[in-house]
PDB file of N, CA and C in Angstrom:
ATOM      1  N   TRP A   1      34.155   3.939 -25.288  1.00  0.00           N
ATOM      2  CA  TRP A   1      33.415   3.786 -24.051  1.00  0.00           C
ATOM      3  C   TRP A   1      31.987   3.349 -24.368  1.00  0.00           C
ATOM      4  N   ARG A   2      31.502   2.475 -23.538  1.00  0.00           N
ATOM      5  CA  ARG A   2      30.109   2.052 -23.659  1.00  0.00           C
ATOM      6  C   ARG A   2      29.452   2.156 -22.285  1.00  0.00           C
ATOM      7  N   TRP A   3      28.335   2.871 -22.232  1.00  0.00           N
ATOM      8  CA  TRP A   3      27.630   3.066 -20.968  1.00  0.00           C
ATOM      9  C   TRP A   3      26.863   1.795 -20.630  1.00  0.00           C
ATOM     10  N   GLU A   4      27.082   1.283 -19.431  1.00  0.00           N
ATOM     11  CA  GLU A   4      26.395   0.065 -19.011  1.00  0.00           C
ATOM     12  C   GLU A   4      26.097   0.151 -17.522  1.00  0.00           C
ATOM     13  N   TYR A   5      24.837  -0.112 -17.174  1.00  0.00           N
ATOM     14  CA  TYR A   5      24.459  -0.103 -15.770  1.00  0.00           C
ATOM     15  C   TYR A   5      24.844  -1.432 -15.129  1.00  0.00           C
ATOM     16  N   THR A   6      25.585  -1.365 -14.061  1.00  0.00           N
ATOM     17  CA  THR A   6      25.921  -2.570 -13.311  1.00  0.00           C
ATOM     18  C   THR A   6      24.829  -2.813 -12.269  1.00  0.00           C
ATOM     19  N   GLU A   7      24.842  -3.945 -11.620  1.00  0.00           N
ATOM     20  CA  GLU A   7      23.873  -4.231 -10.566  1.00  0.00           C
ATOM     21  C   GLU A   7      23.987  -3.200  -9.444  1.00  0.00           C
ATOM     22  N   GLU A   8      25.198  -2.779  -9.121  1.00  0.00           N
ATOM     23  CA  GLU A   8      25.396  -1.782  -8.070  1.00  0.00           C
ATOM     24  C   GLU A   8      24.761  -0.448  -8.450  1.00  0.00           C
ATOM     25  N   ALA A   9      24.881  -0.070  -9.706  1.00  0.00           N
ATOM     26  CA  ALA A   9      24.287   1.187 -10.165  1.00  0.00           C
ATOM     27  C   ALA A   9      22.771   1.116 -10.085  1.00  0.00           C
ATOM     28  N   LYS A  10      22.206  -0.018 -10.482  1.00  0.00           N
ATOM     29  CA  LYS A  10      20.749  -0.180 -10.416  1.00  0.00           C
ATOM     30  C   LYS A  10      20.270  -0.080  -8.973  1.00  0.00           C
ATOM     31  N   ILE A  11      20.993  -0.687  -8.062  1.00  0.00           N
ATOM     32  CA  ILE A  11      20.627  -0.630  -6.649  1.00  0.00           C
ATOM     33  C   ILE A  11      20.698   0.810  -6.144  1.00  0.00           C
ATOM     34  N   ALA A  12      21.757   1.515  -6.506  1.00  0.00           N
ATOM     35  CA  ALA A  12      21.923   2.900  -6.064  1.00  0.00           C
ATOM     36  C   ALA A  12      20.798   3.786  -6.587  1.00  0.00           C
ATOM     37  N   MET A  13      20.374   3.558  -7.828  1.00  0.00           N
ATOM     38  CA  MET A  13      19.327   4.391  -8.426  1.00  0.00           C
ATOM     39  C   MET A  13      17.954   4.110  -7.838  1.00  0.00           C
ATOM     40  N   THR A  14      17.709   2.911  -7.339  1.00  0.00           N
ATOM     41  CA  THR A  14      16.381   2.577  -6.825  1.00  0.00           C
ATOM     42  C   THR A  14      16.263   2.695  -5.311  1.00  0.00           C
ATOM     43  N   THR A  15      17.356   2.975  -4.642  1.00  0.00           N
ATOM     44  CA  THR A  15      17.328   3.022  -3.178  1.00  0.00           C
ATOM     45  C   THR A  15      16.333   4.053  -2.662  1.00  0.00           C
ATOM     46  N   LEU A  16      16.329   5.253  -3.202  1.00  0.00           N
ATOM     47  CA  LEU A  16      15.423   6.298  -2.719  1.00  0.00           C
ATOM     48  C   LEU A  16      13.960   5.889  -2.913  1.00  0.00           C
ATOM     49  N   GLN A  17      13.623   5.352  -4.093  1.00  0.00           N
ATOM     50  CA  GLN A  17      12.235   4.956  -4.337  1.00  0.00           C
ATOM     51  C   GLN A  17      11.817   3.823  -3.407  1.00  0.00           C
ATOM     52  N   GLN A  18      12.687   2.845  -3.202  1.00  0.00           N
ATOM     53  CA  GLN A  18      12.347   1.728  -2.328  1.00  0.00           C
ATOM     54  C   GLN A  18      12.208   2.184  -0.884  1.00  0.00           C
ATOM     55  N   SER A  19      13.094   3.065  -0.430  1.00  0.00           N
ATOM     56  CA  SER A  19      12.997   3.567   0.942  1.00  0.00           C
ATOM     57  C   SER A  19      11.728   4.377   1.115  1.00  0.00           C
ATOM     58  N   SER A  20      11.402   5.202   0.128  1.00  0.00           N
ATOM     59  CA  SER A  20      10.193   6.021   0.209  1.00  0.00           C
ATOM     60  C   SER A  20       8.963   5.135   0.278  1.00  0.00           C
ATOM     61  N   ALA A  21       8.897   4.109  -0.557  1.00  0.00           N
ATOM     62  CA  ALA A  21       7.754   3.193  -0.556  1.00  0.00           C
ATOM     63  C   ALA A  21       7.646   2.479   0.784  1.00  0.00           C
ATOM     64  N   ALA A  22       8.764   2.075   1.348  1.00  0.00           N
ATOM     65  CA  ALA A  22       8.754   1.386   2.644  1.00  0.00           C
ATOM     66  C   ALA A  22       8.230   2.312   3.740  1.00  0.00           C
ATOM     67  N   ILE A  23       8.644   3.570   3.710  1.00  0.00           N
ATOM     68  CA  ILE A  23       8.175   4.534   4.714  1.00  0.00           C
ATOM     69  C   ILE A  23       6.673   4.756   4.572  1.00  0.00           C
ATOM     70  N   LEU A  24       6.193   4.890   3.338  1.00  0.00           N
ATOM     71  CA  LEU A  24       4.763   5.092   3.117  1.00  0.00           C
ATOM     72  C   LEU A  24       3.968   3.896   3.628  1.00  0.00           C
ATOM     73  N   MET A  25       4.454   2.675   3.398  1.00  0.00           N
ATOM     74  CA  MET A  25       3.749   1.487   3.877  1.00  0.00           C
ATOM     75  C   MET A  25       3.735   1.434   5.396  1.00  0.00           C
ATOM     76  N   ARG A  26       4.839   1.780   6.023  1.00  0.00           N
ATOM     77  CA  ARG A  26       4.871   1.779   7.495  1.00  0.00           C
ATOM     78  C   ARG A  26       3.864   2.786   8.055  1.00  0.00           C
ATOM     79  N   ARG A  27       3.780   3.934   7.426  1.00  0.00           N
ATOM     80  CA  ARG A  27       2.814   4.936   7.899  1.00  0.00           C
ATOM     81  C   ARG A  27       1.388   4.450   7.660  1.00  0.00           C
ATOM     82  N   ALA A  28       1.147   3.805   6.514  1.00  0.00           N
ATOM     83  CA  ALA A  28      -0.190   3.271   6.232  1.00  0.00           C
ATOM     84  C   ALA A  28      -0.566   2.218   7.268  1.00  0.00           C
ATOM     85  N   LEU A  29       0.373   1.335   7.593  1.00  0.00           N
ATOM     86  CA  LEU A  29       0.097   0.282   8.579  1.00  0.00           C
ATOM     87  C   LEU A  29      -0.121   0.845   9.981  1.00  0.00           C
ATOM     88  N   ALA A  30       0.471   1.992  10.257  1.00  0.00           N
ATOM     89  CA  ALA A  30       0.331   2.615  11.571  1.00  0.00           C
ATOM     90  C   ALA A  30      -0.896   3.532  11.647  1.00  0.00           C
ATOM     91  N   SER A  31      -1.645   3.635  10.564  1.00  0.00           N
ATOM     92  CA  SER A  31      -2.794   4.544  10.546  1.00  0.00           C
ATOM     93  C   SER A  31      -3.943   4.017  11.400  1.00  0.00           C
ATOM     94  N   LYS A  32      -4.812   4.926  11.759  1.00  0.00           N
ATOM     95  CA  LYS A  32      -6.019   4.591  12.534  1.00  0.00           C
ATOM     96  C   LYS A  32      -6.885   3.602  11.755  1.00  0.00           C
ATOM     97  N   GLU A  33      -7.006   3.811  10.438  1.00  0.00           N
ATOM     98  CA  GLU A  33      -7.842   2.941   9.606  1.00  0.00           C
ATOM     99  C   GLU A  33      -7.298   1.517   9.542  1.00  0.00           C
ATOM    100  N   ALA A  34      -5.981   1.391   9.372  1.00  0.00           N
ATOM    101  CA  ALA A  34      -5.372   0.060   9.332  1.00  0.00           C
ATOM    102  C   ALA A  34      -5.508  -0.626  10.687  1.00  0.00           C
ATOM    103  N   GLU A  35      -5.369   0.135  11.749  1.00  0.00           N
ATOM    104  CA  GLU A  35      -5.521  -0.430  13.087  1.00  0.00           C
ATOM    105  C   GLU A  35      -6.943  -0.956  13.290  1.00  0.00           C
ATOM    106  N   GLU A  36      -7.935  -0.188  12.827  1.00  0.00           N
ATOM    107  CA  GLU A  36      -9.330  -0.630  12.940  1.00  0.00           C
ATOM    108  C   GLU A  36      -9.553  -1.920  12.162  1.00  0.00           C
ATOM    109  N   LEU A  37      -8.995  -2.001  10.949  1.00  0.00           N
ATOM    110  CA  LEU A  37      -9.134  -3.224  10.152  1.00  0.00           C
ATOM    111  C   LEU A  37      -8.441  -4.402  10.837  1.00  0.00           C
ATOM    112  N   ALA A  38      -7.271  -4.169  11.377  1.00  0.00           N
ATOM    113  CA  ALA A  38      -6.534  -5.241  12.058  1.00  0.00           C
ATOM    114  C   ALA A  38      -7.290  -5.702  13.298  1.00  0.00           C
ATOM    115  N   ASN A  39      -7.818  -4.761  14.072  1.00  0.00           N
ATOM    116  CA  ASN A  39      -8.551  -5.110  15.293  1.00  0.00           C
ATOM    117  C   ASN A  39      -9.838  -5.875  15.003  1.00  0.00           C
ATOM    118  N   SER A  40     -10.403  -5.694  13.815  1.00  0.00           N
ATOM    119  CA  SER A  40     -11.628  -6.412  13.440  1.00  0.00           C
ATOM    120  C   SER A  40     -11.305  -7.660  12.610  1.00  0.00           C
ATOM    121  N   SER A  41     -10.034  -8.051  12.601  1.00  0.00           N
ATOM    122  CA  SER A  41      -9.565  -9.243  11.870  1.00  0.00           C
ATOM    123  C   SER A  41      -9.809  -9.151  10.371  1.00  0.00           C
ATOM    124  N   ARG A  42      -9.791  -7.938   9.823  1.00  0.00           N
ATOM    125  CA  ARG A  42      -9.984  -7.752   8.381  1.00  0.00           C
ATOM    126  C   ARG A  42      -8.635  -7.610   7.648  1.00  0.00           C
ATOM    127  N   LEU A  43      -7.731  -6.803   8.218  1.00  0.00           N
ATOM    128  CA  LEU A  43      -6.423  -6.581   7.595  1.00  0.00           C
ATOM    129  C   LEU A  43      -5.533  -7.768   7.934  1.00  0.00           C
ATOM    130  N   PHE A  44      -5.004  -8.430   6.902  1.00  0.00           N
ATOM    131  CA  PHE A  44      -4.206  -9.599   7.224  1.00  0.00           C
ATOM    132  C   PHE A  44      -2.947  -9.769   6.401  1.00  0.00           C
ATOM    133  N   LEU A  45      -2.674  -8.880   5.449  1.00  0.00           N
ATOM    134  CA  LEU A  45      -1.509  -9.110   4.622  1.00  0.00           C
ATOM    135  C   LEU A  45      -1.030  -7.819   3.981  1.00  0.00           C
ATOM    136  N   THR A  46       0.264  -7.685   3.842  1.00  0.00           N
ATOM    137  CA  THR A  46       0.836  -6.620   3.027  1.00  0.00           C
ATOM    138  C   THR A  46       1.823  -7.265   2.077  1.00  0.00           C
ATOM    139  N   ILE A  47       1.712  -6.927   0.820  1.00  0.00           N
ATOM    140  CA  ILE A  47       2.622  -7.436  -0.200  1.00  0.00           C
ATOM    141  C   ILE A  47       3.216  -6.227  -0.909  1.00  0.00           C
ATOM    142  N   HIS A  48       4.523  -6.074  -0.831  1.00  0.00           N
ATOM    143  CA  HIS A  48       5.247  -4.963  -1.450  1.00  0.00           C
ATOM    144  C   HIS A  48       4.606  -3.625  -1.089  1.00  0.00           C
ATOM    145  N   ASP A  49       3.793  -3.075  -1.993  1.00  0.00           N
ATOM    146  CA  ASP A  49       3.181  -1.762  -1.736  1.00  0.00           C
ATOM    147  C   ASP A  49       1.662  -1.870  -1.644  1.00  0.00           C
ATOM    148  N   GLU A  50       1.171  -3.001  -1.163  1.00  0.00           N
ATOM    149  CA  GLU A  50      -0.270  -3.220  -1.077  1.00  0.00           C
ATOM    150  C   GLU A  50      -0.669  -3.657   0.321  1.00  0.00           C
ATOM    151  N   LEU A  51      -1.858  -3.220   0.722  1.00  0.00           N
ATOM    152  CA  LEU A  51      -2.496  -3.746   1.914  1.00  0.00           C
ATOM    153  C   LEU A  51      -3.638  -4.633   1.434  1.00  0.00           C
ATOM    154  N   ILE A  52      -3.778  -5.783   2.036  1.00  0.00           N
ATOM    155  CA  ILE A  52      -4.840  -6.708   1.643  1.00  0.00           C
ATOM    156  C   ILE A  52      -5.697  -6.999   2.866  1.00  0.00           C
ATOM    157  N   ALA A  53      -7.001  -6.894   2.669  1.00  0.00           N
ATOM    158  CA  ALA A  53      -7.948  -7.141   3.746  1.00  0.00           C
ATOM    159  C   ALA A  53      -9.101  -7.975   3.200  1.00  0.00           C
ATOM    160  N   ARG A  54      -9.824  -8.582   4.109  1.00  0.00           N
ATOM    161  CA  ARG A  54     -10.973  -9.364   3.682  1.00  0.00           C
ATOM    162  C   ARG A  54     -12.248  -8.759   4.242  1.00  0.00           C
ATOM    163  N   ALA A  55     -13.338  -9.049   3.583  1.00  0.00           N
ATOM    164  CA  ALA A  55     -14.648  -8.574   4.010  1.00  0.00           C
ATOM    165  C   ALA A  55     -15.559  -9.780   4.171  1.00  0.00           C
ATOM    166  N   VAL A  56     -16.589  -9.628   4.994  1.00  0.00           N
ATOM    167  CA  VAL A  56     -17.495 -10.750   5.229  1.00  0.00           C
ATOM    168  C   VAL A  56     -18.639 -10.812   4.220  1.00  0.00           C
ATOM    169  N   ASP A  57     -18.979  -9.675   3.611  1.00  0.00           N
ATOM    170  CA  ASP A  57     -20.038  -9.659   2.595  1.00  0.00           C
ATOM    171  C   ASP A  57     -19.851  -8.425   1.713  1.00  0.00           C
ATOM    172  N   ASP A  58     -20.738  -8.250   0.739  1.00  0.00           N
ATOM    173  CA  ASP A  58     -20.591  -7.133  -0.200  1.00  0.00           C
ATOM    174  C   ASP A  58     -20.663  -5.770   0.485  1.00  0.00           C
ATOM    175  N   GLY A  59     -21.541  -5.611   1.455  1.00  0.00           N
ATOM    176  CA  GLY A  59     -21.642  -4.340   2.176  1.00  0.00           C
ATOM    177  C   GLY A  59     -20.377  -4.040   2.960  1.00  0.00           C
ATOM    178  N   ASP A  60     -19.840  -5.061   3.580  1.00  0.00           N
ATOM    179  CA  ASP A  60     -18.600  -4.909   4.336  1.00  0.00           C
ATOM    180  C   ASP A  60     -17.437  -4.599   3.390  1.00  0.00           C
ATOM    181  N   ALA A  61     -17.509  -5.127   2.174  1.00  0.00           N
ATOM    182  CA  ALA A  61     -16.430  -4.901   1.197  1.00  0.00           C
ATOM    183  C   ALA A  61     -16.267  -3.421   0.884  1.00  0.00           C
ATOM    184  N   GLU A  62     -17.360  -2.701   0.797  1.00  0.00           N
ATOM    185  CA  GLU A  62     -17.286  -1.262   0.529  1.00  0.00           C
ATOM    186  C   GLU A  62     -16.614  -0.535   1.690  1.00  0.00           C
ATOM    187  N   ARG A  63     -16.988  -0.906   2.917  1.00  0.00           N
ATOM    188  CA  ARG A  63     -16.390  -0.274   4.097  1.00  0.00           C
ATOM    189  C   ARG A  63     -14.900  -0.607   4.188  1.00  0.00           C
ATOM    190  N   VAL A  64     -14.551  -1.853   3.945  1.00  0.00           N
ATOM    191  CA  VAL A  64     -13.152  -2.274   4.003  1.00  0.00           C
ATOM    192  C   VAL A  64     -12.340  -1.554   2.926  1.00  0.00           C
ATOM    193  N   SER A  65     -12.889  -1.450   1.727  1.00  0.00           N
ATOM    194  CA  SER A  65     -12.194  -0.747   0.637  1.00  0.00           C
ATOM    195  C   SER A  65     -11.931   0.705   1.000  1.00  0.00           C
ATOM    196  N   GLU A  66     -12.915   1.350   1.597  1.00  0.00           N
ATOM    197  CA  GLU A  66     -12.740   2.753   1.988  1.00  0.00           C
ATOM    198  C   GLU A  66     -11.696   2.879   3.096  1.00  0.00           C
ATOM    199  N   GLN A  67     -11.694   1.971   4.045  1.00  0.00           N
ATOM    200  CA  GLN A  67     -10.692   1.997   5.113  1.00  0.00           C
ATOM    201  C   GLN A  67      -9.288   1.816   4.526  1.00  0.00           C
ATOM    202  N   LEU A  68      -9.148   0.903   3.574  1.00  0.00           N
ATOM    203  CA  LEU A  68      -7.844   0.702   2.927  1.00  0.00           C
ATOM    204  C   LEU A  68      -7.404   1.966   2.194  1.00  0.00           C
ATOM    205  N   ARG A  69      -8.341   2.584   1.477  1.00  0.00           N
ATOM    206  CA  ARG A  69      -8.009   3.814   0.745  1.00  0.00           C
ATOM    207  C   ARG A  69      -7.549   4.899   1.708  1.00  0.00           C
ATOM    208  N   LEU A  70      -8.278   5.075   2.801  1.00  0.00           N
ATOM    209  CA  LEU A  70      -7.905   6.098   3.778  1.00  0.00           C
ATOM    210  C   LEU A  70      -6.546   5.797   4.418  1.00  0.00           C
ATOM    211  N   ALA A  71      -6.261   4.529   4.645  1.00  0.00           N
ATOM    212  CA  ALA A  71      -4.962   4.154   5.227  1.00  0.00           C
ATOM    213  C   ALA A  71      -3.822   4.453   4.270  1.00  0.00           C
ATOM    214  N   MET A  72      -4.060   4.251   2.981  1.00  0.00           N
ATOM    215  CA  MET A  72      -2.990   4.385   1.989  1.00  0.00           C
ATOM    216  C   MET A  72      -2.841   5.802   1.426  1.00  0.00           C
ATOM    217  N   GLU A  73      -3.905   6.578   1.393  1.00  0.00           N
ATOM    218  CA  GLU A  73      -3.857   7.913   0.791  1.00  0.00           C
ATOM    219  C   GLU A  73      -3.835   8.972   1.889  1.00  0.00           C
ATOM    220  N   PHE A  74      -2.675   9.529   2.124  1.00  0.00           N
ATOM    221  CA  PHE A  74      -2.520  10.557   3.150  1.00  0.00           C
ATOM    222  C   PHE A  74      -1.472  11.554   2.674  1.00  0.00           C
ATOM    223  N   PRO A  75      -1.526  12.797   3.157  1.00  0.00           N
ATOM    224  CA  PRO A  75      -0.531  13.794   2.756  1.00  0.00           C
ATOM    225  C   PRO A  75       0.861  13.417   3.279  1.00  0.00           C
ATOM    226  N   VAL A  76       1.822  13.423   2.387  1.00  0.00           N
ATOM    227  CA  VAL A  76       3.203  13.100   2.763  1.00  0.00           C
ATOM    228  C   VAL A  76       3.957  14.412   2.916  1.00  0.00           C
ATOM    229  N   ALA A  77       4.254  14.747   4.155  1.00  0.00           N
ATOM    230  CA  ALA A  77       4.877  16.039   4.457  1.00  0.00           C
ATOM    231  C   ALA A  77       6.178  16.240   3.677  1.00  0.00           C
ATOM    232  N   GLU A  78       6.978  15.187   3.575  1.00  0.00           N
ATOM    233  CA  GLU A  78       8.271  15.289   2.883  1.00  0.00           C
ATOM    234  C   GLU A  78       8.120  15.531   1.376  1.00  0.00           C
ATOM    235  N   GLN A  79       6.907  15.342   0.863  1.00  0.00           N
ATOM    236  CA  GLN A  79       6.623  15.584  -0.556  1.00  0.00           C
ATOM    237  C   GLN A  79       5.733  16.818  -0.714  1.00  0.00           C
ATOM    238  N   GLY A  80       5.822  17.732   0.249  1.00  0.00           N
ATOM    239  CA  GLY A  80       5.027  18.956   0.170  1.00  0.00           C
ATOM    240  C   GLY A  80       3.541  18.719   0.377  1.00  0.00           C
ATOM    241  N   GLY A  81       3.186  17.656   1.093  1.00  0.00           N
ATOM    242  CA  GLY A  81       1.780  17.360   1.341  1.00  0.00           C
ATOM    243  C   GLY A  81       1.119  16.567   0.226  1.00  0.00           C
ATOM    244  N   ARG A  82       1.891  16.091  -0.714  1.00  0.00           N
ATOM    245  CA  ARG A  82       1.353  15.332  -1.846  1.00  0.00           C
ATOM    246  C   ARG A  82       0.676  14.053  -1.358  1.00  0.00           C
ATOM    247  N   VAL A  83      -0.457  13.724  -1.973  1.00  0.00           N
ATOM    248  CA  VAL A  83      -1.179  12.482  -1.673  1.00  0.00           C
ATOM    249  C   VAL A  83      -1.009  11.559  -2.872  1.00  0.00           C
ATOM    250  N   PHE A  84      -0.499  10.374  -2.629  1.00  0.00           N
ATOM    251  CA  PHE A  84      -0.329   9.390  -3.691  1.00  0.00           C
ATOM    252  C   PHE A  84      -1.618   8.580  -3.806  1.00  0.00           C
ATOM    253  N   ARG A  85      -2.288   8.695  -4.925  1.00  0.00           N
ATOM    254  CA  ARG A  85      -3.571   8.015  -5.136  1.00  0.00           C
ATOM    255  C   ARG A  85      -3.351   6.520  -5.333  1.00  0.00           C
ATOM    256  N   THR A  86      -4.332   5.752  -4.918  1.00  0.00           N
ATOM    257  CA  THR A  86      -4.247   4.301  -5.009  1.00  0.00           C
ATOM    258  C   THR A  86      -5.365   3.765  -5.898  1.00  0.00           C
ATOM    259  N   ALA A  87      -5.247   2.516  -6.261  1.00  0.00           N
ATOM    260  CA  ALA A  87      -6.286   1.833  -7.014  1.00  0.00           C
ATOM    261  C   ALA A  87      -6.708   0.612  -6.204  1.00  0.00           C
ATOM    262  N   GLY A  88      -7.975   0.551  -5.852  1.00  0.00           N
ATOM    263  CA  GLY A  88      -8.477  -0.579  -5.083  1.00  0.00           C
ATOM    264  C   GLY A  88      -8.987  -1.665  -5.999  1.00  0.00           C
ATOM    265  N   LYS A  89      -8.832  -2.895  -5.570  1.00  0.00           N
ATOM    266  CA  LYS A  89      -9.326  -4.041  -6.328  1.00  0.00           C
ATOM    267  C   LYS A  89     -10.119  -4.919  -5.379  1.00  0.00           C
ATOM    268  N   GLN A  90     -11.188  -5.505  -5.901  1.00  0.00           N
ATOM    269  CA  GLN A  90     -12.011  -6.394  -5.107  1.00  0.00           C
ATOM    270  C   GLN A  90     -12.256  -7.669  -5.876  1.00  0.00           C
ATOM    271  N   GLY A  91     -12.418  -8.750  -5.151  1.00  0.00           N
ATOM    272  CA  GLY A  91     -12.757 -10.028  -5.777  1.00  0.00           C
ATOM    273  C   GLY A  91     -13.250 -10.986  -4.727  1.00  0.00           C
ATOM    274  N   ARG A  92     -13.932 -12.007  -5.154  1.00  0.00           N
ATOM    275  CA  ARG A  92     -14.475 -12.997  -4.213  1.00  0.00           C
ATOM    276  C   ARG A  92     -13.386 -13.941  -3.703  1.00  0.00           C
ATOM    277  N   ASN A  93     -12.301 -14.073  -4.476  1.00  0.00           N
ATOM    278  CA  ASN A  93     -11.150 -14.844  -4.024  1.00  0.00           C
ATOM    279  C   ASN A  93      -9.913 -14.283  -4.706  1.00  0.00           C
ATOM    280  N   TRP A  94      -8.758 -14.639  -4.208  1.00  0.00           N
ATOM    281  CA  TRP A  94      -7.517 -14.060  -4.746  1.00  0.00           C
ATOM    282  C   TRP A  94      -7.317 -14.383  -6.212  1.00  0.00           C
ATOM    283  N   ALA A  95      -7.794 -15.523  -6.651  1.00  0.00           N
ATOM    284  CA  ALA A  95      -7.613 -15.907  -8.046  1.00  0.00           C
ATOM    285  C   ALA A  95      -8.367 -14.966  -8.982  1.00  0.00           C
ATOM    286  N   GLY A  96      -9.439 -14.340  -8.465  1.00  0.00           N
ATOM    287  CA  GLY A  96     -10.249 -13.461  -9.306  1.00  0.00           C
ATOM    288  C   GLY A  96      -9.859 -12.010  -9.280  1.00  0.00           C
ATOM    289  N   VAL A  97      -8.849 -11.654  -8.504  1.00  0.00           N
ATOM    290  CA  VAL A  97      -8.405 -10.260  -8.414  1.00  0.00           C
ATOM    291  C   VAL A  97      -7.184 -10.100  -9.288  1.00  0.00           C
ATOM    292  N   ASP A  98      -7.276  -9.214 -10.285  1.00  0.00           N
ATOM    293  CA  ASP A  98      -6.110  -8.990 -11.158  1.00  0.00           C
ATOM    294  C   ASP A  98      -5.782  -7.540 -11.271  1.00  0.00           C
TER     295      ASP A  98
END
């Protein structure tokens, strides 16, 4: 016998993590902070597990970054109130953000 993961097995093993990430993103997008960013035309994109927003200047960038952090970091009741920490990135254009 040789143990080998099939594509179906890989899908089965990642389903819970993918569903959990999707739920967290939906809650982040439904947050008061994300709504404020969207209403001010700052929040404009979500990619996988990221929210992307733009700022008009350096001062605004700090406020936007904090709003994104607050939208993404919240107690998850199903995880005993655990808060998943995020890492924010800033750049003058997308090519400069890594």
